[in-house]
């Protein structure tokens, strides 16, 4: 499956920031590594920090949906089930 611009930018940012640190990584470096332009970066994200928080609402909804779908009766079990689901999701993404 072909990656979206957002996915390419996220992966490039993660790789660069891991290698050289947040402060030493520029938006231009991220865009270039992703094979895109700075303009494309700013169409998708407000700034460098936004690249990691852009999906926050989406992730919250995902967790709430998982909690609602749980078959567990114990509130702690529901939370743990959702936590492990989220952990697997973040490992994959």
C-alpha atoms as a PDB file:
ATOM      1  CA  UNK A   1       0.000   0.000   0.000  1.00  0.00           C
ATOM      2  CA  UNK A   2       1.295   3.445  -0.931  1.00  0.00           C
ATOM      3  CA  UNK A   3       2.134   5.722   2.003  1.00  0.00           C
ATOM      4  CA  UNK A   4       0.415   9.066   2.422  1.00  0.00           C
ATOM      5  CA  UNK A   5       2.368  12.316   2.659  1.00  0.00           C
ATOM      6  CA  UNK A   6       1.592  12.434   6.385  1.00  0.00           C
ATOM      7  CA  UNK A   7       2.971   8.933   6.914  1.00  0.00           C
ATOM      8  CA  UNK A   8       6.131   9.759   4.964  1.00  0.00           C
ATOM      9  CA  UNK A   9       6.643  12.955   6.969  1.00  0.00           C
ATOM     10  CA  UNK A  10       6.022  11.210  10.290  1.00  0.00           C
ATOM     11  CA  UNK A  11       8.496   8.426   9.497  1.00  0.00           C
ATOM     12  CA  UNK A  12      11.132  10.898   8.296  1.00  0.00           C
ATOM     13  CA  UNK A  13      10.671  13.053  11.408  1.00  0.00           C
ATOM     14  CA  UNK A  14      10.917  10.081  13.723  1.00  0.00           C
ATOM     15  CA  UNK A  15      14.087   8.837  12.062  1.00  0.00           C
ATOM     16  CA  UNK A  16      15.790  12.244  11.995  1.00  0.00           C
ATOM     17  CA  UNK A  17      14.806  13.249  15.515  1.00  0.00           C
ATOM     18  CA  UNK A  18      15.960   9.902  16.869  1.00  0.00           C
ATOM     19  CA  UNK A  19      19.318  10.312  15.134  1.00  0.00           C
ATOM     20  CA  UNK A  20      20.057  13.993  15.728  1.00  0.00           C
ATOM     21  CA  UNK A  21      17.598  15.248  18.353  1.00  0.00           C
ATOM     22  CA  UNK A  22      14.484  17.398  18.190  1.00  0.00           C
ATOM     23  CA  UNK A  23      16.233  20.776  18.351  1.00  0.00           C
ATOM     24  CA  UNK A  24      18.747  19.841  15.637  1.00  0.00           C
ATOM     25  CA  UNK A  25      16.111  18.659  13.173  1.00  0.00           C
ATOM     26  CA  UNK A  26      14.517  21.169  10.811  1.00  0.00           C
ATOM     27  CA  UNK A  27      11.266  21.035   8.907  1.00  0.00           C
ATOM     28  CA  UNK A  28      13.259  21.262   5.672  1.00  0.00           C
ATOM     29  CA  UNK A  29      15.276  18.173   6.655  1.00  0.00           C
ATOM     30  CA  UNK A  30      12.094  16.257   7.452  1.00  0.00           C
ATOM     31  CA  UNK A  31      10.431  17.212   4.180  1.00  0.00           C
ATOM     32  CA  UNK A  32      13.545  16.426   2.143  1.00  0.00           C
ATOM     33  CA  UNK A  33      14.002  13.017   3.799  1.00  0.00           C
ATOM     34  CA  UNK A  34      10.337  12.243   3.057  1.00  0.00           C
ATOM     35  CA  UNK A  35      10.839  13.204  -0.595  1.00  0.00           C
ATOM     36  CA  UNK A  36       8.471  16.151  -0.238  1.00  0.00           C
ATOM     37  CA  UNK A  37       8.660  19.927  -0.005  1.00  0.00           C
ATOM     38  CA  UNK A  38       8.463  22.249   2.993  1.00  0.00           C
ATOM     39  CA  UNK A  39       5.233  23.559   1.522  1.00  0.00           C
ATOM     40  CA  UNK A  40       3.720  20.067   1.665  1.00  0.00           C
ATOM     41  CA  UNK A  41       4.879  19.737   5.258  1.00  0.00           C
ATOM     42  CA  UNK A  42       3.050  22.929   6.229  1.00  0.00           C
ATOM     43  CA  UNK A  43      -0.089  21.847   4.381  1.00  0.00           C
ATOM     44  CA  UNK A  44      -0.209  18.771   6.613  1.00  0.00           C
ATOM     45  CA  UNK A  45       1.158  20.109   9.917  1.00  0.00           C
ATOM     46  CA  UNK A  46       1.317  23.460  11.725  1.00  0.00           C
ATOM     47  CA  UNK A  47       4.859  22.954  12.977  1.00  0.00           C
ATOM     48  CA  UNK A  48       7.421  20.314  13.889  1.00  0.00           C
ATOM     49  CA  UNK A  49       5.734  19.392  17.188  1.00  0.00           C
ATOM     50  CA  UNK A  50       2.357  18.967  15.495  1.00  0.00           C
ATOM     51  CA  UNK A  51       3.637  16.005  13.519  1.00  0.00           C
ATOM     52  CA  UNK A  52       3.569  13.905  16.696  1.00  0.00           C
ATOM     53  CA  UNK A  53       0.279  15.201  18.096  1.00  0.00           C
ATOM     54  CA  UNK A  54      -1.827  15.565  14.960  1.00  0.00           C
ATOM     55  CA  UNK A  55      -3.582  12.236  15.511  1.00  0.00           C
ATOM     56  CA  UNK A  56      -4.376  12.815  19.188  1.00  0.00           C
ATOM     57  CA  UNK A  57      -8.135  13.088  18.749  1.00  0.00           C
ATOM     58  CA  UNK A  58      -8.147  10.067  16.452  1.00  0.00           C
ATOM     59  CA  UNK A  59      -6.249   7.980  19.025  1.00  0.00           C
ATOM     60  CA  UNK A  60      -8.574   9.073  21.838  1.00  0.00           C
ATOM     61  CA  UNK A  61     -11.596   8.001  19.802  1.00  0.00           C
ATOM     62  CA  UNK A  62      -9.929   4.689  19.010  1.00  0.00           C
ATOM     63  CA  UNK A  63      -9.395   3.980  22.720  1.00  0.00           C
ATOM     64  CA  UNK A  64     -12.932   4.989  23.675  1.00  0.00           C
ATOM     65  CA  UNK A  65     -14.356   2.754  20.963  1.00  0.00           C
ATOM     66  CA  UNK A  66     -12.214  -0.149  22.167  1.00  0.00           C
ATOM     67  CA  UNK A  67     -13.412   0.394  25.758  1.00  0.00           C
ATOM     68  CA  UNK A  68     -17.057   0.443  24.651  1.00  0.00           C
ATOM     69  CA  UNK A  69     -16.588  -2.776  22.659  1.00  0.00           C
ATOM     70  CA  UNK A  70     -14.947  -4.611  25.557  1.00  0.00           C
ATOM     71  CA  UNK A  71     -16.669  -7.729  26.880  1.00  0.00           C
ATOM     72  CA  UNK A  72     -14.938  -7.410  30.260  1.00  0.00           C
ATOM     73  CA  UNK A  73     -17.032  -6.638  33.357  1.00  0.00           C
ATOM     74  CA  UNK A  74     -14.263  -5.206  35.500  1.00  0.00           C
ATOM     75  CA  UNK A  75     -13.405  -1.520  34.811  1.00  0.00           C
ATOM     76  CA  UNK A  76      -9.699  -2.180  35.356  1.00  0.00           C
ATOM     77  CA  UNK A  77      -9.796  -5.051  32.858  1.00  0.00           C
ATOM     78  CA  UNK A  78     -11.455  -2.749  30.305  1.00  0.00           C
ATOM     79  CA  UNK A  79      -8.744  -0.115  30.741  1.00  0.00           C
ATOM     80  CA  UNK A  80      -5.945  -2.691  30.552  1.00  0.00           C
ATOM     81  CA  UNK A  81      -7.444  -4.273  27.450  1.00  0.00           C
ATOM     82  CA  UNK A  82      -7.555  -0.852  25.797  1.00  0.00           C
ATOM     83  CA  UNK A  83      -4.028  -0.051  26.959  1.00  0.00           C
ATOM     84  CA  UNK A  84      -2.615  -3.227  25.409  1.00  0.00           C
ATOM     85  CA  UNK A  85      -4.566  -2.563  22.221  1.00  0.00           C
ATOM     86  CA  UNK A  86      -3.058   0.949  22.057  1.00  0.00           C
ATOM     87  CA  UNK A  87       0.434  -0.401  22.776  1.00  0.00           C
ATOM     88  CA  UNK A  88       0.140  -2.851  19.878  1.00  0.00           C
ATOM     89  CA  UNK A  89      -1.209  -0.088  17.629  1.00  0.00           C
ATOM     90  CA  UNK A  90       1.702   2.251  18.426  1.00  0.00           C
ATOM     91  CA  UNK A  91       4.236  -0.555  17.937  1.00  0.00           C
ATOM     92  CA  UNK A  92       2.839  -1.082  14.438  1.00  0.00           C
ATOM     93  CA  UNK A  93       2.716   2.637  13.606  1.00  0.00           C
END
